[in-house]
Amino acid sequence: MINIGIVGYGNLGRGVEANLKNAPDMNLVGIFSRRNPDTLDTEAKAYHIDDILNFKDKIDVLILCGGSRSDIPEQGPALAEHFNTVDSYDNHSQIPNYFESIDTVAKAHKYVSIIATGWDPGLFSLNRLIGEAILPKGDTYTFWGEGLSQGHGDAVRRVEGVKDGVQYTIPNTELIDQIHAGETVEYTSKSAHNRDVYVVLEEGADAEKVKNDIVTMPDYFEGYQTEVTFITEEELHANHAGLPHGGRVIRSGETSPDMQQVYEYGLNLGSNPEFTAAVNVAYARAAYKLHQEGLSGAQTVFDIAPKYLSPKSAADLRKELL
């Protein structure tokens, strides 16, 4: 059995806990949180994060479930010194820097750290690579949504004056139709999406300042068409409690003159955090196997063969799926 620890117990942490019940080769050792363990709504064993080093010899892989804006950048390098780790860090522009910070520590201490293992970055990244490799003459388009973004929602909730909030990513469907038709389009990720933000203000907060802090936030909202709507806490719970998401990667290219080909990978998710957690769990299996083989350092989805994600043997995979 692969012994797993969960760091952080928000939506993603709860999703990992649920997905581990579907993993026949994994065992949940415990959940580690900055909150009082007695307050966590779980039947699993829970501990304060300060006690985590007491489990160095009892945990094979830690799955980091904090936010990408401030939690994972600090926790990732710190925990990679003592454990194999997996995370779903999703600040695309900072991934190269984050990779380097993790790689140095993990190699020095002979652990494996697989970063950015959600669906974007993660599975979408992998499909961008595949589409480009298969259709080198062409263009790649990524559309997110319509759905609720965990990372952007977390960033919104950390803005001063925000009591609670969510963010929806809305794709430009007209642009998608044009790409499917083989038309040449002017695409940027920012022009292809709108971002709708719903915010519950702290009492006495300056609404205009909160709005400005959100729409000008680098790496998250700056440059996007962003609409901020202020609502009550009751409205948020009544109308924005679900966690759906999804999207698609489209590679449109030609294999010979006038022979147009379209490669497309899509997701339609009932629960963004539970699906992201499912990806994390699969890559935790890979981290364990790679560590057993003597590998160390940071890894991404580009570096890991698919066979490492499955609990099945290579022979069974060839027989059943190839």
C-alpha atoms as a PDB file:
ATOM      1  CA  MET A   1       0.000   0.000   0.000  1.00  0.00           C
ATOM      2  CA  ILE A   2       1.090   3.559  -0.762  1.00  0.00           C
ATOM      3  CA  ASN A   3       0.718   5.681   2.357  1.00  0.00           C
ATOM      4  CA  ILE A   4      -0.676   9.142   1.623  1.00  0.00           C
ATOM      5  CA  GLY A   5      -0.863  12.360   3.630  1.00  0.00           C
ATOM      6  CA  ILE A   6      -3.129  15.291   2.745  1.00  0.00           C
ATOM      7  CA  VAL A   7      -1.908  18.825   3.473  1.00  0.00           C
ATOM      8  CA  GLY A   8      -4.828  21.249   3.645  1.00  0.00           C
ATOM      9  CA  TYR A   9      -8.490  20.401   4.011  1.00  0.00           C
ATOM     10  CA  GLY A  10     -10.515  22.714   1.813  1.00  0.00           C
ATOM     11  CA  ASN A  11     -12.441  21.619  -1.265  1.00  0.00           C
ATOM     12  CA  LEU A  12      -9.378  20.032  -2.853  1.00  0.00           C
ATOM     13  CA  GLY A  13      -8.314  18.223   0.311  1.00  0.00           C
ATOM     14  CA  ARG A  14     -11.790  16.789   0.725  1.00  0.00           C
ATOM     15  CA  GLY A  15     -11.685  15.744  -2.931  1.00  0.00           C
ATOM     16  CA  VAL A  16      -8.429  13.870  -2.399  1.00  0.00           C
ATOM     17  CA  GLU A  17      -9.904  12.114   0.629  1.00  0.00           C
ATOM     18  CA  ALA A  18     -12.896  10.998  -1.465  1.00  0.00           C
ATOM     19  CA  ASN A  19     -10.744   9.796  -4.366  1.00  0.00           C
ATOM     20  CA  LEU A  20      -8.424   7.776  -2.155  1.00  0.00           C
ATOM     21  CA  LYS A  21     -11.406   5.541  -1.395  1.00  0.00           C
ATOM     22  CA  ASN A  22     -11.324   4.548  -5.088  1.00  0.00           C
ATOM     23  CA  ALA A  23      -7.608   3.735  -5.056  1.00  0.00           C
ATOM     24  CA  PRO A  24      -7.082   0.039  -4.193  1.00  0.00           C
ATOM     25  CA  ASP A  25      -3.350   0.498  -3.618  1.00  0.00           C
ATOM     26  CA  MET A  26      -3.467   3.559  -1.350  1.00  0.00           C
ATOM     27  CA  ASN A  27      -3.957   4.231   2.342  1.00  0.00           C
ATOM     28  CA  LEU A  28      -4.728   7.613   3.928  1.00  0.00           C
ATOM     29  CA  VAL A  29      -2.440   8.089   6.917  1.00  0.00           C
ATOM     30  CA  GLY A  30      -3.768  11.472   7.920  1.00  0.00           C
ATOM     31  CA  ILE A  31      -4.880  15.004   7.109  1.00  0.00           C
ATOM     32  CA  PHE A  32      -2.640  17.895   8.137  1.00  0.00           C
ATOM     33  CA  SER A  33      -4.159  21.343   8.607  1.00  0.00           C
ATOM     34  CA  ARG A  34      -3.368  24.722  10.129  1.00  0.00           C
ATOM     35  CA  ARG A  35      -6.780  24.515  11.787  1.00  0.00           C
ATOM     36  CA  ASN A  36      -7.538  22.674  14.999  1.00  0.00           C
ATOM     37  CA  PRO A  37      -7.744  18.999  13.903  1.00  0.00           C
ATOM     38  CA  ASP A  38     -10.773  18.467  16.154  1.00  0.00           C
ATOM     39  CA  THR A  39     -12.770  20.961  14.069  1.00  0.00           C
ATOM     40  CA  LEU A  40     -12.319  19.118  10.737  1.00  0.00           C
ATOM     41  CA  ASP A  41     -15.407  17.321   9.446  1.00  0.00           C
ATOM     42  CA  THR A  42     -13.718  14.026   8.597  1.00  0.00           C
ATOM     43  CA  GLU A  43     -13.599  10.433   9.804  1.00  0.00           C
ATOM     44  CA  ALA A  44      -9.894  10.234   8.902  1.00  0.00           C
ATOM     45  CA  LYS A  45      -7.147  10.904  11.396  1.00  0.00           C
ATOM     46  CA  ALA A  46      -6.339  14.609  11.484  1.00  0.00           C
ATOM     47  CA  TYR A  47      -3.277  16.430  12.795  1.00  0.00           C
ATOM     48  CA  HIS A  48      -1.943  19.945  13.021  1.00  0.00           C
ATOM     49  CA  ILE A  49       0.502  20.846  10.265  1.00  0.00           C
ATOM     50  CA  ASP A  50       3.195  21.507  12.887  1.00  0.00           C
ATOM     51  CA  ASP A  51       3.251  17.750  13.648  1.00  0.00           C
ATOM     52  CA  ILE A  52       3.913  16.627  10.084  1.00  0.00           C
ATOM     53  CA  LEU A  53       7.628  15.850  10.483  1.00  0.00           C
ATOM     54  CA  ASN A  54       6.696  13.187  13.025  1.00  0.00           C
ATOM     55  CA  PHE A  55       5.348  11.206  10.049  1.00  0.00           C
ATOM     56  CA  LYS A  56       8.457  11.190   7.846  1.00  0.00           C
ATOM     57  CA  ASP A  57       8.764   7.419   8.050  1.00  0.00           C
ATOM     58  CA  LYS A  58       5.020   6.746   7.854  1.00  0.00           C
ATOM     59  CA  ILE A  59       4.043   8.642   4.681  1.00  0.00           C
ATOM     60  CA  ASP A  60       5.161   7.788   1.148  1.00  0.00           C
ATOM     61  CA  VAL A  61       3.652  10.807  -0.626  1.00  0.00           C
ATOM     62  CA  LEU A  62       2.143  14.092   0.527  1.00  0.00           C
ATOM     63  CA  ILE A  63      -0.575  15.650  -1.632  1.00  0.00           C
ATOM     64  CA  LEU A  64      -0.510  19.431  -1.155  1.00  0.00           C
ATOM     65  CA  CYS A  65      -3.991  20.943  -1.308  1.00  0.00           C
ATOM     66  CA  GLY A  66      -3.413  24.586  -0.406  1.00  0.00           C
ATOM     67  CA  GLY A  67      -3.845  27.608  -2.646  1.00  0.00           C
ATOM     68  CA  SER A  68      -1.389  28.457  -5.402  1.00  0.00           C
ATOM     69  CA  ARG A  69      -1.116  32.129  -4.584  1.00  0.00           C
ATOM     70  CA  SER A  70       0.611  31.803  -1.212  1.00  0.00           C
ATOM     71  CA  ASP A  71       0.280  28.300   0.328  1.00  0.00           C
ATOM     72  CA  ILE A  72       1.974  25.995  -2.177  1.00  0.00           C
ATOM     73  CA  PRO A  73       4.905  28.318  -3.034  1.00  0.00           C
ATOM     74  CA  GLU A  74       5.901  28.188   0.643  1.00  0.00           C
ATOM     75  CA  GLN A  75       4.852  24.661   1.567  1.00  0.00           C
ATOM     76  CA  GLY A  76       6.159  22.966  -1.587  1.00  0.00           C
ATOM     77  CA  PRO A  77       9.889  23.612  -1.121  1.00  0.00           C
ATOM     78  CA  ALA A  78       9.656  23.210   2.668  1.00  0.00           C
ATOM     79  CA  LEU A  79       7.977  19.801   2.497  1.00  0.00           C
ATOM     80  CA  ALA A  80      10.005  18.550  -0.485  1.00  0.00           C
ATOM     81  CA  GLU A  81      12.952  18.447   1.919  1.00  0.00           C
ATOM     82  CA  HIS A  82      11.263  15.654   3.894  1.00  0.00           C
ATOM     83  CA  PHE A  83       8.679  13.920   1.653  1.00  0.00           C
ATOM     84  CA  ASN A  84       7.739  12.969  -1.859  1.00  0.00           C
ATOM     85  CA  THR A  85       5.098  15.516  -2.856  1.00  0.00           C
ATOM     86  CA  VAL A  86       2.402  16.161  -5.445  1.00  0.00           C
ATOM     87  CA  ASP A  87       0.646  19.487  -5.978  1.00  0.00           C
ATOM     88  CA  SER A  88      -1.671  21.240  -8.407  1.00  0.00           C
ATOM     89  CA  TYR A  89       0.120  24.595  -8.497  1.00  0.00           C
ATOM     90  CA  ASP A  90      -1.700  26.585 -11.177  1.00  0.00           C
ATOM     91  CA  ASN A  91       0.010  29.960 -11.585  1.00  0.00           C
ATOM     92  CA  HIS A  92       1.122  29.300 -15.174  1.00  0.00           C
ATOM     93  CA  SER A  93       3.556  32.208 -15.517  1.00  0.00           C
ATOM     94  CA  GLN A  94       5.427  31.255 -12.336  1.00  0.00           C
ATOM     95  CA  ILE A  95       5.741  27.508 -13.009  1.00  0.00           C
ATOM     96  CA  PRO A  96       9.360  27.707 -14.293  1.00  0.00           C
ATOM     97  CA  ASN A  97      10.452  29.526 -11.117  1.00  0.00           C
ATOM     98  CA  TYR A  98       8.452  27.194  -8.890  1.00  0.00           C
ATOM     99  CA  PHE A  99       9.891  24.155 -10.660  1.00  0.00           C
ATOM    100  CA  GLU A 100      13.441  25.354  -9.997  1.00  0.00           C
ATOM    101  CA  SER A 101      12.753  26.051  -6.319  1.00  0.00           C
ATOM    102  CA  ILE A 102      11.312  22.557  -5.845  1.00  0.00           C
ATOM    103  CA  ASP A 103      13.873  20.748  -7.992  1.00  0.00           C
ATOM    104  CA  THR A 104      16.856  22.027  -6.024  1.00  0.00           C
ATOM    105  CA  VAL A 105      15.427  20.894  -2.681  1.00  0.00           C
ATOM    106  CA  ALA A 106      13.988  17.559  -3.843  1.00  0.00           C
ATOM    107  CA  LYS A 107      17.223  16.506  -5.564  1.00  0.00           C
ATOM    108  CA  ALA A 108      19.324  17.473  -2.558  1.00  0.00           C
ATOM    109  CA  HIS A 109      17.200  15.282  -0.281  1.00  0.00           C
ATOM    110  CA  LYS A 110      16.476  12.510  -2.838  1.00  0.00           C
ATOM    111  CA  TYR A 111      12.718  12.934  -3.022  1.00  0.00           C
ATOM    112  CA  VAL A 112      10.326  13.221  -5.973  1.00  0.00           C
ATOM    113  CA  SER A 113       8.065  16.270  -6.303  1.00  0.00           C
ATOM    114  CA  ILE A 114       5.500  16.276  -9.100  1.00  0.00           C
ATOM    115  CA  ILE A 115       4.148  19.774  -9.642  1.00  0.00           C
ATOM    116  CA  ALA A 116       1.156  21.286 -11.473  1.00  0.00           C
ATOM    117  CA  THR A 117      -0.783  18.016 -11.752  1.00  0.00           C
ATOM    118  CA  GLY A 118      -4.328  19.304 -12.065  1.00  0.00           C
ATOM    119  CA  TRP A 119      -6.132  19.577 -15.390  1.00  0.00           C
ATOM    120  CA  ASP A 120      -4.754  22.977 -16.387  1.00  0.00           C
ATOM    121  CA  PRO A 121      -1.887  23.047 -15.853  1.00  0.00           C
ATOM    122  CA  GLY A 122      -1.649  19.272 -16.054  1.00  0.00           C
ATOM    123  CA  LEU A 123      -3.795  17.270 -18.459  1.00  0.00           C
ATOM    124  CA  PHE A 124      -4.443  20.275 -20.718  1.00  0.00           C
ATOM    125  CA  SER A 125      -0.687  20.952 -20.810  1.00  0.00           C
ATOM    126  CA  LEU A 126      -0.062  17.372 -21.900  1.00  0.00           C
ATOM    127  CA  ASN A 127      -2.655  17.637 -24.663  1.00  0.00           C
ATOM    128  CA  ARG A 128      -1.213  20.923 -25.889  1.00  0.00           C
ATOM    129  CA  LEU A 129       2.105  19.118 -26.266  1.00  0.00           C
ATOM    130  CA  ILE A 130       0.537  16.121 -28.049  1.00  0.00           C
ATOM    131  CA  GLY A 131      -1.460  18.300 -30.434  1.00  0.00           C
ATOM    132  CA  GLU A 132       1.581  20.382 -31.329  1.00  0.00           C
ATOM    133  CA  ALA A 133       3.769  17.310 -31.839  1.00  0.00           C
ATOM    134  CA  ILE A 134       1.217  15.608 -34.107  1.00  0.00           C
ATOM    135  CA  LEU A 135       0.241  18.731 -36.044  1.00  0.00           C
ATOM    136  CA  PRO A 136       3.402  20.868 -36.109  1.00  0.00           C
ATOM    137  CA  LYS A 137       1.891  23.193 -38.697  1.00  0.00           C
ATOM    138  CA  GLY A 138      -1.066  24.710 -36.899  1.00  0.00           C
ATOM    139  CA  ASP A 139      -2.298  26.631 -33.893  1.00  0.00           C
ATOM    140  CA  THR A 140      -3.315  25.613 -30.363  1.00  0.00           C
ATOM    141  CA  TYR A 141      -6.299  27.120 -28.576  1.00  0.00           C
ATOM    142  CA  THR A 142      -7.209  26.609 -24.923  1.00  0.00           C
ATOM    143  CA  PHE A 143     -10.656  27.468 -23.604  1.00  0.00           C
ATOM    144  CA  TRP A 144     -11.665  27.236 -19.954  1.00  0.00           C
ATOM    145  CA  GLY A 145     -15.206  27.032 -18.666  1.00  0.00           C
ATOM    146  CA  GLU A 146     -17.915  27.745 -18.429  1.00  0.00           C
ATOM    147  CA  GLY A 147     -17.166  27.037 -14.812  1.00  0.00           C
ATOM    148  CA  LEU A 148     -15.867  27.990 -11.417  1.00  0.00           C
ATOM    149  CA  SER A 149     -12.107  28.401 -11.049  1.00  0.00           C
ATOM    150  CA  GLN A 150     -10.600  27.243  -7.758  1.00  0.00           C
ATOM    151  CA  GLY A 151      -7.336  29.127  -8.126  1.00  0.00           C
ATOM    152  CA  HIS A 152      -8.936  32.409  -9.145  1.00  0.00           C
ATOM    153  CA  GLY A 153     -11.587  32.059  -6.456  1.00  0.00           C
ATOM    154  CA  ASP A 154      -8.873  31.539  -3.855  1.00  0.00           C
ATOM    155  CA  ALA A 155      -7.067  34.644  -5.138  1.00  0.00           C
ATOM    156  CA  VAL A 156     -10.272  36.687  -4.856  1.00  0.00           C
ATOM    157  CA  ARG A 157     -10.927  35.544  -1.283  1.00  0.00           C
ATOM    158  CA  ARG A 158      -7.448  36.703  -0.266  1.00  0.00           C
ATOM    159  CA  VAL A 159      -8.096  40.300  -1.360  1.00  0.00           C
ATOM    160  CA  GLU A 160      -8.394  42.663   1.591  1.00  0.00           C
ATOM    161  CA  GLY A 161     -12.047  43.485   2.229  1.00  0.00           C
ATOM    162  CA  VAL A 162     -13.429  40.279   0.703  1.00  0.00           C
ATOM    163  CA  LYS A 163     -15.382  38.063   3.074  1.00  0.00           C
ATOM    164  CA  ASP A 164     -16.137  35.426   0.443  1.00  0.00           C
ATOM    165  CA  GLY A 165     -16.270  35.133  -3.303  1.00  0.00           C
ATOM    166  CA  VAL A 166     -16.178  32.992  -6.434  1.00  0.00           C
ATOM    167  CA  GLN A 167     -15.004  33.437 -10.009  1.00  0.00           C
ATOM    168  CA  TYR A 168     -16.453  31.996 -13.211  1.00  0.00           C
ATOM    169  CA  THR A 169     -14.513  31.686 -16.454  1.00  0.00           C
ATOM    170  CA  ILE A 170     -16.700  32.164 -19.550  1.00  0.00           C
ATOM    171  CA  PRO A 171     -15.357  31.031 -22.957  1.00  0.00           C
ATOM    172  CA  ASN A 172     -16.025  32.799 -26.255  1.00  0.00           C
ATOM    173  CA  THR A 173     -18.209  30.207 -28.012  1.00  0.00           C
ATOM    174  CA  GLU A 174     -18.232  32.127 -31.306  1.00  0.00           C
ATOM    175  CA  LEU A 175     -14.453  31.818 -31.460  1.00  0.00           C
ATOM    176  CA  ILE A 176     -14.694  28.061 -30.803  1.00  0.00           C
ATOM    177  CA  ASP A 177     -17.152  27.666 -33.683  1.00  0.00           C
ATOM    178  CA  GLN A 178     -14.808  29.545 -36.020  1.00  0.00           C
ATOM    179  CA  ILE A 179     -11.894  27.265 -35.086  1.00  0.00           C
ATOM    180  CA  HIS A 180     -13.999  24.143 -35.669  1.00  0.00           C
ATOM    181  CA  ALA A 181     -14.844  25.539 -39.107  1.00  0.00           C
ATOM    182  CA  GLY A 182     -11.141  25.818 -39.930  1.00  0.00           C
ATOM    183  CA  GLU A 183     -11.127  29.605 -39.945  1.00  0.00           C
ATOM    184  CA  THR A 184      -8.108  31.678 -38.965  1.00  0.00           C
ATOM    185  CA  VAL A 185      -8.856  33.560 -35.761  1.00  0.00           C
ATOM    186  CA  GLU A 186      -7.133  36.144 -33.618  1.00  0.00           C
ATOM    187  CA  TYR A 187      -6.807  34.332 -30.317  1.00  0.00           C
ATOM    188  CA  THR A 188      -5.309  35.177 -26.970  1.00  0.00           C
ATOM    189  CA  SER A 189      -6.355  33.510 -23.726  1.00  0.00           C
ATOM    190  CA  LYS A 190      -7.503  36.916 -22.505  1.00  0.00           C
ATOM    191  CA  SER A 191      -9.606  37.796 -25.551  1.00  0.00           C
ATOM    192  CA  ALA A 192     -11.107  34.291 -25.598  1.00  0.00           C
ATOM    193  CA  HIS A 193     -12.556  34.487 -22.078  1.00  0.00           C
ATOM    194  CA  ASN A 194     -14.461  36.723 -19.724  1.00  0.00           C
ATOM    195  CA  ARG A 195     -14.118  36.473 -15.958  1.00  0.00           C
ATOM    196  CA  ASP A 196     -17.214  36.977 -13.800  1.00  0.00           C
ATOM    197  CA  VAL A 197     -16.509  37.560 -10.105  1.00  0.00           C
ATOM    198  CA  TYR A 198     -19.104  37.490  -7.327  1.00  0.00           C
ATOM    199  CA  VAL A 199     -17.965  39.029  -4.035  1.00  0.00           C
ATOM    200  CA  VAL A 200     -19.314  39.271  -0.495  1.00  0.00           C
ATOM    201  CA  LEU A 201     -17.712  42.289   1.165  1.00  0.00           C
ATOM    202  CA  GLU A 202     -16.429  42.484   4.699  1.00  0.00           C
ATOM    203  CA  GLU A 203     -18.389  44.971   6.780  1.00  0.00           C
ATOM    204  CA  GLY A 204     -17.063  48.471   6.123  1.00  0.00           C
ATOM    205  CA  ALA A 205     -14.937  47.456   3.113  1.00  0.00           C
ATOM    206  CA  ASP A 206     -14.423  49.906   0.248  1.00  0.00           C
ATOM    207  CA  ALA A 207     -16.162  48.317  -2.739  1.00  0.00           C
ATOM    208  CA  GLU A 208     -14.304  50.366  -5.360  1.00  0.00           C
ATOM    209  CA  LYS A 209     -10.928  49.508  -3.858  1.00  0.00           C
ATOM    210  CA  VAL A 210     -11.824  45.812  -3.695  1.00  0.00           C
ATOM    211  CA  LYS A 211     -12.947  45.870  -7.333  1.00  0.00           C
ATOM    212  CA  ASN A 212      -9.763  47.623  -8.436  1.00  0.00           C
ATOM    213  CA  ASP A 213      -7.570  45.199  -6.471  1.00  0.00           C
ATOM    214  CA  ILE A 214      -9.276  42.281  -8.235  1.00  0.00           C
ATOM    215  CA  VAL A 215      -9.285  43.534 -11.837  1.00  0.00           C
ATOM    216  CA  THR A 216      -5.647  44.681 -11.652  1.00  0.00           C
ATOM    217  CA  MET A 217      -4.321  41.497 -10.007  1.00  0.00           C
ATOM    218  CA  PRO A 218      -1.286  40.259 -12.002  1.00  0.00           C
ATOM    219  CA  ASP A 219      -1.379  36.659 -13.338  1.00  0.00           C
ATOM    220  CA  TYR A 220      -5.075  36.297 -12.497  1.00  0.00           C
ATOM    221  CA  PHE A 221      -7.272  39.175 -13.764  1.00  0.00           C
ATOM    222  CA  GLU A 222      -5.081  41.897 -15.220  1.00  0.00           C
ATOM    223  CA  GLY A 223      -5.784  42.218 -18.953  1.00  0.00           C
ATOM    224  CA  TYR A 224      -8.963  40.142 -18.896  1.00  0.00           C
ATOM    225  CA  GLN A 225     -12.499  41.428 -19.396  1.00  0.00           C
ATOM    226  CA  THR A 226     -13.511  41.109 -15.740  1.00  0.00           C
ATOM    227  CA  GLU A 227     -16.889  41.922 -14.223  1.00  0.00           C
ATOM    228  CA  VAL A 228     -17.149  42.190 -10.438  1.00  0.00           C
ATOM    229  CA  THR A 229     -20.600  41.890  -8.839  1.00  0.00           C
ATOM    230  CA  PHE A 230     -21.196  42.449  -5.132  1.00  0.00           C
ATOM    231  CA  ILE A 231     -23.784  40.159  -3.553  1.00  0.00           C
ATOM    232  CA  THR A 232     -24.957  39.090  -0.121  1.00  0.00           C
ATOM    233  CA  GLU A 233     -23.660  36.050   1.698  1.00  0.00           C
ATOM    234  CA  GLU A 234     -27.107  34.486   1.360  1.00  0.00           C
ATOM    235  CA  GLU A 235     -27.022  34.933  -2.429  1.00  0.00           C
ATOM    236  CA  LEU A 236     -23.579  33.379  -2.613  1.00  0.00           C
ATOM    237  CA  HIS A 237     -24.652  30.259  -0.721  1.00  0.00           C
ATOM    238  CA  ALA A 238     -27.936  29.964  -2.627  1.00  0.00           C
ATOM    239  CA  ASN A 239     -26.658  30.527  -6.172  1.00  0.00           C
ATOM    240  CA  HIS A 240     -22.935  29.777  -6.196  1.00  0.00           C
ATOM    241  CA  ALA A 241     -22.436  26.691  -4.034  1.00  0.00           C
ATOM    242  CA  GLY A 242     -21.684  24.308  -6.911  1.00  0.00           C
ATOM    243  CA  LEU A 243     -18.196  23.638  -8.244  1.00  0.00           C
ATOM    244  CA  PRO A 244     -18.598  22.812 -11.964  1.00  0.00           C
ATOM    245  CA  HIS A 245     -15.920  23.513 -14.552  1.00  0.00           C
ATOM    246  CA  GLY A 246     -14.367  22.188 -17.720  1.00  0.00           C
ATOM    247  CA  GLY A 247     -12.933  23.329 -21.004  1.00  0.00           C
ATOM    248  CA  ARG A 248     -11.080  22.150 -24.085  1.00  0.00           C
ATOM    249  CA  VAL A 249      -7.749  22.173 -25.869  1.00  0.00           C
ATOM    250  CA  ILE A 250      -8.018  22.456 -29.651  1.00  0.00           C
ATOM    251  CA  ARG A 251      -5.137  22.030 -32.093  1.00  0.00           C
ATOM    252  CA  SER A 252      -6.086  23.044 -35.629  1.00  0.00           C
ATOM    253  CA  GLY A 253      -3.525  22.308 -38.322  1.00  0.00           C
ATOM    254  CA  GLU A 254      -2.832  20.755 -41.667  1.00  0.00           C
ATOM    255  CA  THR A 255      -0.974  17.592 -42.619  1.00  0.00           C
ATOM    256  CA  SER A 256      -0.672  18.619 -46.263  1.00  0.00           C
ATOM    257  CA  PRO A 257      -1.786  21.682 -48.234  1.00  0.00           C
ATOM    258  CA  ASP A 258      -5.540  22.169 -47.840  1.00  0.00           C
ATOM    259  CA  MET A 259      -5.910  19.069 -45.622  1.00  0.00           C
ATOM    260  CA  GLN A 260      -7.187  20.504 -42.346  1.00  0.00           C
ATOM    261  CA  GLN A 261      -7.123  18.402 -39.157  1.00  0.00           C
ATOM    262  CA  VAL A 262      -8.526  19.203 -35.712  1.00  0.00           C
ATOM    263  CA  TYR A 263      -7.325  17.533 -32.504  1.00  0.00           C
ATOM    264  CA  GLU A 264      -9.513  18.228 -29.473  1.00  0.00           C
ATOM    265  CA  TYR A 265      -9.482  17.212 -25.808  1.00  0.00           C
ATOM    266  CA  GLY A 266     -12.320  18.289 -23.553  1.00  0.00           C
ATOM    267  CA  LEU A 267     -13.581  18.035 -20.005  1.00  0.00           C
ATOM    268  CA  ASN A 268     -17.051  18.552 -18.557  1.00  0.00           C
ATOM    269  CA  LEU A 269     -16.692  18.437 -14.795  1.00  0.00           C
ATOM    270  CA  GLY A 270     -19.420  18.198 -12.181  1.00  0.00           C
ATOM    271  CA  SER A 271     -16.865  19.072  -9.493  1.00  0.00           C
ATOM    272  CA  ASN A 272     -13.662  20.894 -10.330  1.00  0.00           C
ATOM    273  CA  PRO A 273     -11.907  20.079  -7.012  1.00  0.00           C
ATOM    274  CA  GLU A 274     -12.870  16.393  -7.029  1.00  0.00           C
ATOM    275  CA  PHE A 275     -11.540  15.930 -10.560  1.00  0.00           C
ATOM    276  CA  THR A 276      -8.356  17.875  -9.792  1.00  0.00           C
ATOM    277  CA  ALA A 277      -7.970  15.673  -6.724  1.00  0.00           C
ATOM    278  CA  ALA A 278      -8.387  12.559  -8.874  1.00  0.00           C
ATOM    279  CA  VAL A 279      -5.500  13.723 -11.065  1.00  0.00           C
ATOM    280  CA  ASN A 280      -3.391  14.402  -7.969  1.00  0.00           C
ATOM    281  CA  VAL A 281      -4.047  10.911  -6.622  1.00  0.00           C
ATOM    282  CA  ALA A 282      -2.950   9.279  -9.892  1.00  0.00           C
ATOM    283  CA  TYR A 283       0.255  11.303  -9.923  1.00  0.00           C
ATOM    284  CA  ALA A 284       0.883  10.464  -6.260  1.00  0.00           C
ATOM    285  CA  ARG A 285       1.060   6.844  -7.407  1.00  0.00           C
ATOM    286  CA  ALA A 286       3.601   7.905 -10.024  1.00  0.00           C
ATOM    287  CA  ALA A 287       5.666   9.802  -7.437  1.00  0.00           C
ATOM    288  CA  TYR A 288       5.848   6.698  -5.268  1.00  0.00           C
ATOM    289  CA  LYS A 289       6.895   4.430  -8.150  1.00  0.00           C
ATOM    290  CA  LEU A 290       9.508   6.860  -9.436  1.00  0.00           C
ATOM    291  CA  HIS A 291      10.975   7.282  -5.949  1.00  0.00           C
ATOM    292  CA  GLN A 292      11.146   3.490  -5.616  1.00  0.00           C
ATOM    293  CA  GLU A 293      13.171   3.456  -8.845  1.00  0.00           C
ATOM    294  CA  GLY A 294      15.641   5.960  -7.406  1.00  0.00           C
ATOM    295  CA  LEU A 295      14.546   9.098  -9.234  1.00  0.00           C
ATOM    296  CA  SER A 296      14.644  12.448  -7.437  1.00  0.00           C
ATOM    297  CA  GLY A 297      13.854  16.076  -8.194  1.00  0.00           C
ATOM    298  CA  ALA A 298      10.896  17.980  -9.606  1.00  0.00           C
ATOM    299  CA  GLN A 299       8.788  16.413 -12.356  1.00  0.00           C
ATOM    300  CA  THR A 300       5.851  17.548 -14.492  1.00  0.00           C
ATOM    301  CA  VAL A 301       3.247  15.725 -16.583  1.00  0.00           C
ATOM    302  CA  PHE A 302       5.657  16.049 -19.526  1.00  0.00           C
ATOM    303  CA  ASP A 303       8.224  13.863 -17.775  1.00  0.00           C
ATOM    304  CA  ILE A 304       6.122  10.930 -16.598  1.00  0.00           C
ATOM    305  CA  ALA A 305       5.108   7.903 -18.662  1.00  0.00           C
ATOM    306  CA  PRO A 306       1.373   7.098 -18.413  1.00  0.00           C
ATOM    307  CA  LYS A 307       2.044   3.601 -17.042  1.00  0.00           C
ATOM    308  CA  TYR A 308       3.134   5.135 -13.728  1.00  0.00           C
ATOM    309  CA  LEU A 309      -0.364   6.548 -13.171  1.00  0.00           C
ATOM    310  CA  SER A 310      -2.106   3.177 -13.128  1.00  0.00           C
ATOM    311  CA  PRO A 311      -2.239   0.539 -10.392  1.00  0.00           C
ATOM    312  CA  LYS A 312      -2.222  -2.110 -13.153  1.00  0.00           C
ATOM    313  CA  SER A 313       0.920  -3.867 -14.350  1.00  0.00           C
ATOM    314  CA  ALA A 314       2.501  -2.966 -17.666  1.00  0.00           C
ATOM    315  CA  ALA A 315       1.477  -6.386 -19.003  1.00  0.00           C
ATOM    316  CA  ASP A 316      -2.156  -5.827 -18.028  1.00  0.00           C
ATOM    317  CA  LEU A 317      -2.137  -2.365 -19.572  1.00  0.00           C
ATOM    318  CA  ARG A 318      -0.878  -3.783 -22.881  1.00  0.00           C
ATOM    319  CA  LYS A 319      -3.492  -6.518 -22.787  1.00  0.00           C
ATOM    320  CA  GLU A 320      -6.495  -4.432 -21.703  1.00  0.00           C
ATOM    321  CA  LEU A 321      -5.956  -0.940 -23.040  1.00  0.00           C
ATOM    322  CA  LEU A 322      -3.497  -0.996 -25.924  1.00  0.00           C
END
